[in-house]
Amino acid sequence: MSVLTGPLVFDTHEMGRKPGAERNFTRTVEAPAEMGYDVYAVPEGSTIELELRLEAIMEGILATGTFSAPAAGECVRCLDPIDEAVVVGFQELYLYDAPSSQEETDEEDHVLEDELLDLEPVLRDAVVLALPQNPLCAPDCPGLCPECGARLADDPGHTHGEAIDPRWASLSQLVEQPVPPADQSESDISSDDSKE
């Protein structure tokens, strides 16, 4: 069994396994990688302010706390950058011992490793649940023009004229061609065409 190390690993040896024992921590740590989504996440290496209370209960250690961190990304409608602080609360039970039978084991169970508690997976899960999957710079963000990509919030009256059905597009090209004067005879028109 490997020994855990890192800023989000907490030693519970002093608490023993006596229900009611409690320890409080306040830490400032660097954010690990992959805390969030591709479009919105806590950047790796940014500062996390963590407040944590560990309580010994019959089955294990109950970790309860909050943390705040900056989240950065881009609006899914207009692609403008978004920078906001997120405050996330969490509570997780770390079992003293892994369940003895395979049937009792749950993939989401957290188990103490040599009386050490690794908080990183819990923080990562809490951030994913707290951050919106489709972040917006504003709830009423109009996004980008689908034709030219202009930001519609900067130009609310932005238009491209009436949309033409692609099935009629060839006819619109005929309309745009110059019309010959009415006094020009058909023979003149045909001779002009032959010259071309």
N, C-alpha and C. Protein backbone atom coordinates (compact mmCIF):
# COMPACT_ATOMS: atom_id res chain seq x y z
N MET A 1 0.85 -1.18 0.00
CA MET A 1 0.00 0.00 0.00
C MET A 1 0.89 1.24 0.00
N SER A 2 0.64 2.18 -0.93
CA SER A 2 1.47 3.38 -1.01
C SER A 2 1.06 4.38 0.05
N VAL A 3 2.02 5.19 0.50
CA VAL A 3 1.74 6.21 1.50
C VAL A 3 1.38 7.50 0.78
N LEU A 4 0.23 8.08 1.15
CA LEU A 4 -0.23 9.31 0.52
C LEU A 4 0.58 10.50 0.99
N THR A 5 0.81 11.43 0.07
CA THR A 5 1.45 12.70 0.43
C THR A 5 0.81 13.80 -0.40
N GLY A 6 0.92 15.02 0.06
CA GLY A 6 0.41 16.15 -0.70
C GLY A 6 -0.34 17.13 0.20
N PRO A 7 -0.61 18.33 -0.33
CA PRO A 7 -1.26 19.37 0.48
C PRO A 7 -2.71 19.07 0.84
N LEU A 8 -3.34 18.14 0.14
CA LEU A 8 -4.74 17.80 0.43
C LEU A 8 -4.86 16.45 1.15
N VAL A 9 -3.75 15.99 1.74
CA VAL A 9 -3.75 14.76 2.54
C VAL A 9 -3.67 15.16 4.01
N PHE A 10 -4.55 14.58 4.83
CA PHE A 10 -4.63 14.93 6.25
C PHE A 10 -4.39 13.69 7.10
N ASP A 11 -3.59 13.85 8.15
CA ASP A 11 -3.23 12.75 9.05
C ASP A 11 -4.27 12.68 10.18
N THR A 12 -4.87 11.51 10.36
CA THR A 12 -5.90 11.35 11.40
C THR A 12 -5.40 10.49 12.57
N HIS A 13 -4.08 10.21 12.63
CA HIS A 13 -3.55 9.36 13.70
C HIS A 13 -3.92 9.88 15.09
N GLU A 14 -3.77 11.20 15.29
CA GLU A 14 -3.99 11.78 16.61
C GLU A 14 -5.44 11.62 17.08
N MET A 15 -6.36 11.50 16.14
CA MET A 15 -7.77 11.38 16.51
C MET A 15 -8.10 9.98 17.02
N GLY A 16 -7.25 9.01 16.66
CA GLY A 16 -7.55 7.64 17.03
C GLY A 16 -8.84 7.22 16.34
N ARG A 17 -9.51 6.26 16.89
CA ARG A 17 -10.79 5.83 16.32
C ARG A 17 -11.89 5.99 17.36
N LYS A 18 -11.72 6.99 18.21
CA LYS A 18 -12.68 7.23 19.28
C LYS A 18 -13.75 8.19 18.80
N PRO A 19 -15.01 7.75 18.70
CA PRO A 19 -16.08 8.65 18.24
C PRO A 19 -16.14 9.92 19.08
N GLY A 20 -16.31 11.02 18.39
CA GLY A 20 -16.38 12.32 19.07
C GLY A 20 -15.11 13.14 18.92
N ALA A 21 -14.00 12.49 18.61
CA ALA A 21 -12.75 13.25 18.42
C ALA A 21 -12.91 14.15 17.19
N GLU A 22 -12.33 15.34 17.27
CA GLU A 22 -12.52 16.32 16.19
C GLU A 22 -11.26 17.14 15.98
N ARG A 23 -11.00 17.48 14.72
CA ARG A 23 -9.88 18.38 14.38
C ARG A 23 -10.34 19.34 13.31
N ASN A 24 -9.84 20.58 13.37
CA ASN A 24 -10.17 21.60 12.39
C ASN A 24 -8.91 22.06 11.67
N PHE A 25 -9.05 22.32 10.38
CA PHE A 25 -7.92 22.75 9.57
C PHE A 25 -8.33 23.96 8.73
N THR A 26 -7.39 24.86 8.52
CA THR A 26 -7.54 25.94 7.55
C THR A 26 -6.26 25.93 6.72
N ARG A 27 -6.40 25.78 5.42
CA ARG A 27 -5.22 25.69 4.56
C ARG A 27 -5.42 26.50 3.28
N THR A 28 -4.30 26.98 2.78
CA THR A 28 -4.25 27.59 1.45
C THR A 28 -3.37 26.70 0.61
N VAL A 29 -3.94 26.11 -0.44
CA VAL A 29 -3.19 25.15 -1.26
C VAL A 29 -3.36 25.49 -2.74
N GLU A 30 -2.51 24.89 -3.57
CA GLU A 30 -2.63 25.06 -5.01
C GLU A 30 -3.62 24.04 -5.56
N ALA A 31 -4.41 24.48 -6.53
CA ALA A 31 -5.42 23.59 -7.13
C ALA A 31 -4.76 22.51 -7.95
N PRO A 32 -5.20 21.27 -7.80
CA PRO A 32 -4.69 20.19 -8.65
C PRO A 32 -5.29 20.30 -10.06
N ALA A 33 -4.84 19.46 -10.95
CA ALA A 33 -5.34 19.47 -12.34
C ALA A 33 -6.75 18.90 -12.41
N GLU A 34 -7.43 19.23 -13.49
CA GLU A 34 -8.73 18.66 -13.85
C GLU A 34 -9.81 18.90 -12.79
N MET A 35 -9.94 20.15 -12.36
CA MET A 35 -11.02 20.49 -11.44
C MET A 35 -12.07 21.28 -12.20
N GLY A 36 -12.97 20.58 -12.89
CA GLY A 36 -14.03 21.23 -13.63
C GLY A 36 -14.20 20.62 -15.01
N TYR A 37 -14.68 21.45 -15.93
CA TYR A 37 -14.95 21.02 -17.30
C TYR A 37 -13.97 21.68 -18.26
N ASP A 38 -14.01 21.26 -19.53
CA ASP A 38 -13.12 21.85 -20.54
C ASP A 38 -13.39 23.34 -20.71
N VAL A 39 -14.66 23.75 -20.67
CA VAL A 39 -15.00 25.15 -20.91
C VAL A 39 -15.01 26.00 -19.64
N TYR A 40 -14.98 25.36 -18.45
CA TYR A 40 -15.06 26.12 -17.20
C TYR A 40 -14.46 25.28 -16.09
N ALA A 41 -13.42 25.78 -15.45
CA ALA A 41 -12.72 24.98 -14.44
C ALA A 41 -11.92 25.87 -13.50
N VAL A 42 -11.48 25.27 -12.40
CA VAL A 42 -10.52 25.92 -11.52
C VAL A 42 -9.15 25.66 -12.13
N PRO A 43 -8.43 26.72 -12.54
CA PRO A 43 -7.13 26.51 -13.20
C PRO A 43 -6.12 25.82 -12.28
N GLU A 44 -5.38 24.89 -12.86
CA GLU A 44 -4.35 24.19 -12.09
C GLU A 44 -3.34 25.19 -11.53
N GLY A 45 -3.01 25.04 -10.25
CA GLY A 45 -2.04 25.92 -9.62
C GLY A 45 -2.63 27.18 -9.00
N SER A 46 -3.93 27.44 -9.23
CA SER A 46 -4.55 28.61 -8.61
C SER A 46 -4.76 28.34 -7.11
N THR A 47 -5.04 29.39 -6.37
CA THR A 47 -5.13 29.28 -4.91
C THR A 47 -6.50 28.80 -4.44
N ILE A 48 -6.50 27.79 -3.61
CA ILE A 48 -7.72 27.29 -2.96
C ILE A 48 -7.63 27.60 -1.47
N GLU A 49 -8.67 28.26 -0.96
CA GLU A 49 -8.77 28.52 0.48
C GLU A 49 -9.70 27.45 1.06
N LEU A 50 -9.18 26.64 1.98
CA LEU A 50 -9.90 25.47 2.48
C LEU A 50 -10.13 25.56 3.98
N GLU A 51 -11.37 25.30 4.40
CA GLU A 51 -11.70 25.14 5.82
C GLU A 51 -12.30 23.74 5.98
N LEU A 52 -11.75 22.97 6.92
CA LEU A 52 -12.11 21.56 7.03
C LEU A 52 -12.28 21.16 8.49
N ARG A 53 -13.35 20.38 8.76
CA ARG A 53 -13.53 19.78 10.09
C ARG A 53 -13.57 18.27 9.92
N LEU A 54 -12.74 17.56 10.67
CA LEU A 54 -12.73 16.10 10.67
C LEU A 54 -13.31 15.62 11.98
N GLU A 55 -14.31 14.73 11.89
CA GLU A 55 -14.96 14.18 13.09
C GLU A 55 -14.89 12.67 13.05
N ALA A 56 -14.46 12.07 14.15
CA ALA A 56 -14.44 10.60 14.23
C ALA A 56 -15.83 10.12 14.61
N ILE A 57 -16.34 9.17 13.82
CA ILE A 57 -17.61 8.51 14.15
C ILE A 57 -17.36 7.00 14.14
N MET A 58 -18.39 6.20 14.34
CA MET A 58 -18.20 4.76 14.48
C MET A 58 -17.55 4.13 13.24
N GLU A 59 -18.02 4.53 12.04
CA GLU A 59 -17.54 3.87 10.81
C GLU A 59 -16.24 4.44 10.26
N GLY A 60 -15.94 5.69 10.62
CA GLY A 60 -14.76 6.32 10.05
C GLY A 60 -14.65 7.79 10.40
N ILE A 61 -14.08 8.56 9.51
CA ILE A 61 -13.88 10.00 9.72
C ILE A 61 -14.82 10.75 8.78
N LEU A 62 -15.62 11.66 9.33
CA LEU A 62 -16.51 12.49 8.53
C LEU A 62 -15.81 13.81 8.25
N ALA A 63 -15.58 14.08 6.97
CA ALA A 63 -14.92 15.32 6.55
C ALA A 63 -15.99 16.29 6.06
N THR A 64 -16.06 17.47 6.69
CA THR A 64 -17.03 18.49 6.34
C THR A 64 -16.28 19.80 6.14
N GLY A 65 -16.60 20.53 5.09
CA GLY A 65 -15.90 21.79 4.91
C GLY A 65 -16.40 22.60 3.74
N THR A 66 -15.71 23.70 3.52
CA THR A 66 -15.97 24.57 2.38
C THR A 66 -14.63 24.99 1.80
N PHE A 67 -14.63 25.32 0.53
CA PHE A 67 -13.44 25.91 -0.05
C PHE A 67 -13.85 26.90 -1.12
N SER A 68 -12.99 27.88 -1.31
CA SER A 68 -13.23 28.87 -2.36
C SER A 68 -12.03 28.88 -3.29
N ALA A 69 -12.32 29.10 -4.57
CA ALA A 69 -11.27 29.10 -5.59
C ALA A 69 -11.74 29.90 -6.79
N PRO A 70 -10.83 30.42 -7.58
CA PRO A 70 -11.24 31.12 -8.80
C PRO A 70 -11.56 30.10 -9.89
N ALA A 71 -12.60 30.37 -10.65
CA ALA A 71 -12.94 29.53 -11.80
C ALA A 71 -12.83 30.37 -13.06
N ALA A 72 -12.29 29.80 -14.11
CA ALA A 72 -12.10 30.53 -15.36
C ALA A 72 -12.58 29.69 -16.52
N GLY A 73 -13.07 30.36 -17.54
CA GLY A 73 -13.54 29.68 -18.73
C GLY A 73 -14.07 30.67 -19.73
N GLU A 74 -15.00 30.20 -20.58
CA GLU A 74 -15.58 31.10 -21.57
C GLU A 74 -17.07 30.81 -21.71
N CYS A 75 -17.81 31.87 -22.03
CA CYS A 75 -19.25 31.77 -22.24
C CYS A 75 -19.51 30.86 -23.43
N VAL A 76 -20.45 29.93 -23.28
CA VAL A 76 -20.73 28.99 -24.37
C VAL A 76 -21.51 29.63 -25.51
N ARG A 77 -22.07 30.83 -25.29
CA ARG A 77 -22.82 31.50 -26.35
C ARG A 77 -21.97 32.50 -27.14
N CYS A 78 -21.19 33.33 -26.42
CA CYS A 78 -20.46 34.39 -27.12
C CYS A 78 -18.94 34.24 -27.03
N LEU A 79 -18.46 33.25 -26.28
CA LEU A 79 -17.04 32.93 -26.13
C LEU A 79 -16.25 33.99 -25.38
N ASP A 80 -16.93 34.92 -24.68
CA ASP A 80 -16.23 35.88 -23.84
C ASP A 80 -15.66 35.17 -22.61
N PRO A 81 -14.51 35.64 -22.11
CA PRO A 81 -13.94 35.00 -20.91
C PRO A 81 -14.80 35.24 -19.67
N ILE A 82 -14.83 34.24 -18.81
CA ILE A 82 -15.55 34.32 -17.53
C ILE A 82 -14.54 34.03 -16.42
N ASP A 83 -14.48 34.91 -15.43
CA ASP A 83 -13.64 34.71 -14.25
C ASP A 83 -14.49 34.99 -13.02
N GLU A 84 -14.76 33.97 -12.23
CA GLU A 84 -15.57 34.13 -11.03
C GLU A 84 -15.00 33.28 -9.91
N ALA A 85 -15.25 33.72 -8.68
CA ALA A 85 -14.87 32.89 -7.53
C ALA A 85 -16.01 31.93 -7.23
N VAL A 86 -15.67 30.69 -6.93
CA VAL A 86 -16.69 29.71 -6.55
C VAL A 86 -16.45 29.29 -5.11
N VAL A 87 -17.53 29.13 -4.38
CA VAL A 87 -17.47 28.64 -3.00
C VAL A 87 -18.25 27.34 -2.98
N VAL A 88 -17.60 26.28 -2.54
CA VAL A 88 -18.20 24.94 -2.61
C VAL A 88 -18.17 24.30 -1.23
N GLY A 89 -19.31 23.75 -0.83
CA GLY A 89 -19.39 23.00 0.41
C GLY A 89 -19.36 21.50 0.11
N PHE A 90 -18.87 20.71 1.05
CA PHE A 90 -18.80 19.27 0.84
C PHE A 90 -18.87 18.54 2.17
N GLN A 91 -19.26 17.27 2.11
CA GLN A 91 -19.25 16.38 3.28
C GLN A 91 -19.06 14.96 2.76
N GLU A 92 -18.09 14.27 3.31
CA GLU A 92 -17.77 12.92 2.84
C GLU A 92 -17.31 12.06 4.00
N LEU A 93 -17.72 10.80 3.99
CA LEU A 93 -17.30 9.84 5.02
C LEU A 93 -16.14 9.01 4.48
N TYR A 94 -15.07 8.96 5.27
CA TYR A 94 -13.91 8.11 4.96
C TYR A 94 -13.94 6.94 5.93
N LEU A 95 -14.11 5.73 5.39
CA LEU A 95 -14.21 4.54 6.22
C LEU A 95 -12.84 4.17 6.79
N TYR A 96 -12.87 3.61 8.02
CA TYR A 96 -11.61 3.14 8.61
C TYR A 96 -11.07 1.95 7.82
N ASP A 97 -11.96 1.04 7.46
CA ASP A 97 -11.55 -0.18 6.76
C ASP A 97 -12.46 -0.39 5.56
N ALA A 98 -11.90 -0.95 4.49
CA ALA A 98 -12.70 -1.27 3.31
C ALA A 98 -13.67 -2.39 3.67
N PRO A 99 -14.87 -2.39 3.08
CA PRO A 99 -15.83 -3.47 3.36
C PRO A 99 -15.20 -4.83 3.06
N SER A 100 -15.53 -5.83 3.89
CA SER A 100 -14.90 -7.15 3.76
C SER A 100 -15.39 -7.91 2.53
N SER A 101 -16.68 -7.77 2.20
CA SER A 101 -17.19 -8.51 1.05
C SER A 101 -17.27 -7.60 -0.18
N GLN A 102 -17.12 -8.21 -1.34
CA GLN A 102 -17.16 -7.47 -2.61
C GLN A 102 -18.53 -6.84 -2.83
N GLU A 103 -19.59 -7.50 -2.34
CA GLU A 103 -20.95 -7.01 -2.53
C GLU A 103 -21.19 -5.70 -1.79
N GLU A 104 -20.54 -5.53 -0.65
CA GLU A 104 -20.73 -4.31 0.15
C GLU A 104 -19.92 -3.14 -0.39
N THR A 105 -18.95 -3.40 -1.24
CA THR A 105 -18.07 -2.34 -1.73
C THR A 105 -18.80 -1.46 -2.73
N ASP A 106 -18.69 -0.17 -2.52
CA ASP A 106 -19.29 0.82 -3.42
C ASP A 106 -18.14 1.61 -4.06
N GLU A 107 -18.25 1.88 -5.36
CA GLU A 107 -17.18 2.61 -6.05
C GLU A 107 -16.94 3.99 -5.44
N GLU A 108 -17.98 4.55 -4.82
CA GLU A 108 -17.86 5.89 -4.27
C GLU A 108 -17.35 5.89 -2.83
N ASP A 109 -17.13 4.72 -2.25
CA ASP A 109 -16.60 4.66 -0.89
C ASP A 109 -15.18 5.20 -0.85
N HIS A 110 -14.90 6.01 0.16
CA HIS A 110 -13.54 6.49 0.41
C HIS A 110 -13.03 5.79 1.66
N VAL A 111 -11.82 5.29 1.60
CA VAL A 111 -11.24 4.55 2.72
C VAL A 111 -9.94 5.21 3.14
N LEU A 112 -9.72 5.32 4.46
CA LEU A 112 -8.46 5.86 4.96
C LEU A 112 -7.33 4.92 4.57
N GLU A 113 -6.22 5.49 4.20
CA GLU A 113 -5.05 4.69 3.85
C GLU A 113 -3.96 4.98 4.89
N ASP A 114 -3.71 4.00 5.75
CA ASP A 114 -2.73 4.17 6.84
C ASP A 114 -3.07 5.40 7.68
N GLU A 115 -4.38 5.56 7.98
CA GLU A 115 -4.92 6.67 8.78
C GLU A 115 -4.74 8.04 8.09
N LEU A 116 -4.46 8.03 6.80
CA LEU A 116 -4.34 9.28 6.05
C LEU A 116 -5.59 9.46 5.19
N LEU A 117 -6.04 10.70 5.10
CA LEU A 117 -7.26 11.04 4.39
C LEU A 117 -6.89 11.92 3.19
N ASP A 118 -7.19 11.47 1.99
CA ASP A 118 -6.89 12.21 0.76
C ASP A 118 -8.15 12.95 0.32
N LEU A 119 -8.13 14.27 0.42
CA LEU A 119 -9.30 15.08 0.13
C LEU A 119 -9.42 15.46 -1.36
N GLU A 120 -8.36 15.26 -2.15
CA GLU A 120 -8.36 15.72 -3.54
C GLU A 120 -9.52 15.18 -4.39
N PRO A 121 -9.82 13.85 -4.37
CA PRO A 121 -10.94 13.37 -5.19
C PRO A 121 -12.28 13.98 -4.78
N VAL A 122 -12.46 14.23 -3.49
CA VAL A 122 -13.71 14.81 -3.00
C VAL A 122 -13.85 16.24 -3.49
N LEU A 123 -12.76 17.02 -3.43
CA LEU A 123 -12.80 18.41 -3.91
C LEU A 123 -13.06 18.45 -5.41
N ARG A 124 -12.43 17.55 -6.14
CA ARG A 124 -12.63 17.51 -7.60
C ARG A 124 -14.09 17.23 -7.93
N ASP A 125 -14.69 16.24 -7.24
CA ASP A 125 -16.10 15.92 -7.48
C ASP A 125 -17.01 17.08 -7.09
N ALA A 126 -16.70 17.75 -5.97
CA ALA A 126 -17.52 18.87 -5.51
C ALA A 126 -17.50 20.03 -6.51
N VAL A 127 -16.34 20.29 -7.10
CA VAL A 127 -16.24 21.37 -8.10
C VAL A 127 -17.05 21.03 -9.34
N VAL A 128 -16.95 19.79 -9.81
CA VAL A 128 -17.69 19.37 -11.01
C VAL A 128 -19.19 19.53 -10.78
N LEU A 129 -19.67 19.21 -9.58
CA LEU A 129 -21.10 19.34 -9.29
C LEU A 129 -21.51 20.81 -9.13
N ALA A 130 -20.60 21.65 -8.68
CA ALA A 130 -20.94 23.06 -8.41
C ALA A 130 -20.88 23.94 -9.65
N LEU A 131 -19.99 23.64 -10.58
CA LEU A 131 -19.84 24.50 -11.76
C LEU A 131 -20.89 24.17 -12.82
N PRO A 132 -21.42 25.20 -13.50
CA PRO A 132 -22.37 24.93 -14.58
C PRO A 132 -21.66 24.28 -15.77
N GLN A 133 -22.32 23.33 -16.41
CA GLN A 133 -21.73 22.68 -17.58
C GLN A 133 -21.71 23.61 -18.79
N ASN A 134 -22.67 24.55 -18.84
CA ASN A 134 -22.75 25.51 -19.94
C ASN A 134 -22.71 26.92 -19.35
N PRO A 135 -21.51 27.41 -19.01
CA PRO A 135 -21.41 28.72 -18.36
C PRO A 135 -21.79 29.85 -19.31
N LEU A 136 -22.42 30.89 -18.74
CA LEU A 136 -22.81 32.06 -19.51
C LEU A 136 -22.23 33.31 -18.86
N CYS A 137 -21.85 34.29 -19.69
CA CYS A 137 -21.35 35.56 -19.14
C CYS A 137 -22.49 36.35 -18.51
N ALA A 138 -23.71 36.14 -19.00
CA ALA A 138 -24.93 36.75 -18.44
C ALA A 138 -26.10 35.84 -18.81
N PRO A 139 -27.13 35.77 -17.96
CA PRO A 139 -28.25 34.86 -18.26
C PRO A 139 -28.93 35.17 -19.59
N ASP A 140 -28.93 36.44 -20.00
CA ASP A 140 -29.59 36.82 -21.25
C ASP A 140 -28.61 37.04 -22.40
N CYS A 141 -27.43 36.43 -22.33
CA CYS A 141 -26.43 36.58 -23.39
C CYS A 141 -27.02 36.14 -24.74
N PRO A 142 -27.04 37.03 -25.75
CA PRO A 142 -27.63 36.65 -27.04
C PRO A 142 -26.70 35.80 -27.91
N GLY A 143 -25.42 35.75 -27.57
CA GLY A 143 -24.49 34.91 -28.33
C GLY A 143 -23.91 35.60 -29.54
N LEU A 144 -23.58 34.80 -30.56
CA LEU A 144 -22.95 35.30 -31.78
C LEU A 144 -23.90 35.15 -32.96
N CYS A 145 -23.71 36.01 -33.96
CA CYS A 145 -24.51 35.90 -35.18
C CYS A 145 -24.12 34.60 -35.89
N PRO A 146 -25.10 33.76 -36.24
CA PRO A 146 -24.76 32.49 -36.89
C PRO A 146 -24.20 32.65 -38.30
N GLU A 147 -24.41 33.83 -38.92
CA GLU A 147 -23.92 34.04 -40.28
C GLU A 147 -22.51 34.60 -40.33
N CYS A 148 -22.25 35.63 -39.47
CA CYS A 148 -20.94 36.29 -39.57
C CYS A 148 -20.11 36.21 -38.30
N GLY A 149 -20.70 35.74 -37.20
CA GLY A 149 -19.95 35.60 -35.95
C GLY A 149 -19.85 36.87 -35.13
N ALA A 150 -20.59 37.94 -35.51
CA ALA A 150 -20.57 39.18 -34.73
C ALA A 150 -21.20 38.94 -33.36
N ARG A 151 -20.66 39.63 -32.35
CA ARG A 151 -21.21 39.49 -30.99
C ARG A 151 -22.49 40.31 -30.90
N LEU A 152 -23.62 39.65 -30.69
CA LEU A 152 -24.92 40.30 -30.74
C LEU A 152 -25.16 41.26 -29.57
N ALA A 153 -24.48 41.07 -28.45
CA ALA A 153 -24.64 41.99 -27.32
C ALA A 153 -24.07 43.37 -27.67
N ASP A 154 -23.06 43.44 -28.52
CA ASP A 154 -22.47 44.72 -28.93
C ASP A 154 -23.32 45.43 -29.97
N ASP A 155 -24.12 44.69 -30.74
CA ASP A 155 -24.93 45.26 -31.81
C ASP A 155 -26.30 44.56 -31.82
N PRO A 156 -27.20 44.99 -30.90
CA PRO A 156 -28.49 44.31 -30.78
C PRO A 156 -29.34 44.36 -32.07
N GLY A 157 -29.16 45.38 -32.90
CA GLY A 157 -29.94 45.49 -34.12
C GLY A 157 -29.29 44.82 -35.32
N HIS A 158 -28.30 44.01 -35.09
CA HIS A 158 -27.52 43.37 -36.16
C HIS A 158 -28.41 42.47 -37.02
N THR A 159 -28.42 42.71 -38.34
CA THR A 159 -29.19 41.86 -39.27
C THR A 159 -28.41 41.71 -40.57
N HIS A 160 -28.82 40.77 -41.37
CA HIS A 160 -28.25 40.54 -42.69
C HIS A 160 -29.33 40.62 -43.77
N GLY A 161 -30.43 41.29 -43.47
CA GLY A 161 -31.54 41.36 -44.41
C GLY A 161 -32.34 40.07 -44.34
N GLU A 162 -33.34 40.01 -45.21
CA GLU A 162 -34.22 38.86 -45.20
C GLU A 162 -33.49 37.63 -45.74
N ALA A 163 -33.62 36.53 -45.05
CA ALA A 163 -32.95 35.31 -45.49
C ALA A 163 -33.60 34.77 -46.75
N ILE A 164 -32.78 34.32 -47.68
CA ILE A 164 -33.27 33.78 -48.95
C ILE A 164 -33.19 32.26 -48.89
N ASP A 165 -34.29 31.63 -49.27
CA ASP A 165 -34.34 30.18 -49.33
C ASP A 165 -33.29 29.71 -50.34
N PRO A 166 -32.38 28.81 -49.97
CA PRO A 166 -31.32 28.38 -50.89
C PRO A 166 -31.85 27.80 -52.19
N ARG A 167 -33.08 27.30 -52.19
CA ARG A 167 -33.65 26.76 -53.42
C ARG A 167 -33.94 27.86 -54.45
N TRP A 168 -34.08 29.10 -54.00
CA TRP A 168 -34.39 30.22 -54.90
C TRP A 168 -33.16 31.09 -55.16
N ALA A 169 -32.01 30.70 -54.62
CA ALA A 169 -30.80 31.52 -54.74
C ALA A 169 -30.42 31.76 -56.20
N SER A 170 -30.59 30.78 -57.10
CA SER A 170 -30.24 30.94 -58.52
C SER A 170 -31.10 32.01 -59.18
N LEU A 171 -32.36 32.08 -58.77
CA LEU A 171 -33.23 33.10 -59.33
C LEU A 171 -32.81 34.50 -58.90
N SER A 172 -32.31 34.63 -57.67
CA SER A 172 -31.87 35.95 -57.22
C SER A 172 -30.68 36.43 -58.04
N GLN A 173 -29.84 35.52 -58.53
CA GLN A 173 -28.71 35.93 -59.39
C GLN A 173 -29.23 36.46 -60.72
N LEU A 174 -30.30 35.90 -61.26
CA LEU A 174 -30.88 36.40 -62.50
C LEU A 174 -31.44 37.80 -62.31
N VAL A 175 -32.03 38.06 -61.18
CA VAL A 175 -32.60 39.37 -60.90
C VAL A 175 -31.50 40.42 -60.83
N GLU A 176 -30.33 40.05 -60.36
CA GLU A 176 -29.23 41.00 -60.20
C GLU A 176 -28.55 41.33 -61.53
N GLN A 177 -28.78 40.56 -62.61
CA GLN A 177 -28.16 40.84 -63.90
C GLN A 177 -28.81 42.08 -64.52
N PRO A 178 -28.01 42.88 -65.26
CA PRO A 178 -28.56 44.09 -65.87
C PRO A 178 -29.59 43.74 -66.95
N VAL A 179 -30.63 44.54 -67.05
CA VAL A 179 -31.68 44.34 -68.04
C VAL A 179 -31.35 45.22 -69.26
N PRO A 180 -31.38 44.67 -70.51
CA PRO A 180 -31.07 45.49 -71.69
C PRO A 180 -32.16 46.54 -71.90
N PRO A 181 -31.79 47.69 -72.49
CA PRO A 181 -32.80 48.73 -72.74
C PRO A 181 -33.92 48.20 -73.62
N ALA A 182 -35.11 48.76 -73.48
CA ALA A 182 -36.29 48.29 -74.18
C ALA A 182 -36.22 48.53 -75.68
N ASP A 183 -35.49 49.59 -76.15
CA ASP A 183 -35.44 49.90 -77.58
C ASP A 183 -34.44 49.05 -78.33
N GLN A 184 -33.65 48.24 -77.63
CA GLN A 184 -32.67 47.38 -78.30
C GLN A 184 -33.40 46.18 -78.89
N SER A 185 -33.21 45.90 -80.16
CA SER A 185 -33.93 44.81 -80.82
C SER A 185 -33.33 43.47 -80.43
N GLU A 186 -34.12 42.40 -80.70
CA GLU A 186 -33.66 41.06 -80.37
C GLU A 186 -32.43 40.68 -81.18
N SER A 187 -32.33 41.17 -82.42
CA SER A 187 -31.16 40.86 -83.25
C SER A 187 -29.91 41.49 -82.68
N ASP A 188 -30.06 42.70 -82.10
CA ASP A 188 -28.89 43.35 -81.46
C ASP A 188 -28.45 42.54 -80.24
N ILE A 189 -29.42 42.05 -79.54
CA ILE A 189 -29.09 41.29 -78.31
C ILE A 189 -28.36 40.01 -78.69
N SER A 190 -28.88 39.30 -79.76
CA SER A 190 -28.23 38.05 -80.18
C SER A 190 -26.87 38.29 -80.75
N SER A 191 -26.69 39.41 -81.47
CA SER A 191 -25.35 39.71 -82.01
C SER A 191 -24.37 40.08 -80.89
N ASP A 192 -24.91 40.74 -79.84
CA ASP A 192 -24.04 41.03 -78.68
C ASP A 192 -23.60 39.74 -78.00
N ASP A 193 -24.53 38.78 -77.93
CA ASP A 193 -24.19 37.50 -77.30
C ASP A 193 -23.15 36.76 -78.10
N SER A 194 -23.26 36.81 -79.47
CA SER A 194 -22.29 36.09 -80.31
C SER A 194 -20.90 36.68 -80.21
N LYS A 195 -20.82 38.01 -79.98
CA LYS A 195 -19.51 38.66 -79.84
C LYS A 195 -18.81 38.18 -78.61
N GLU A 196 -19.55 37.92 -77.57
CA GLU A 196 -18.94 37.46 -76.32
C GLU A 196 -18.42 36.05 -76.53
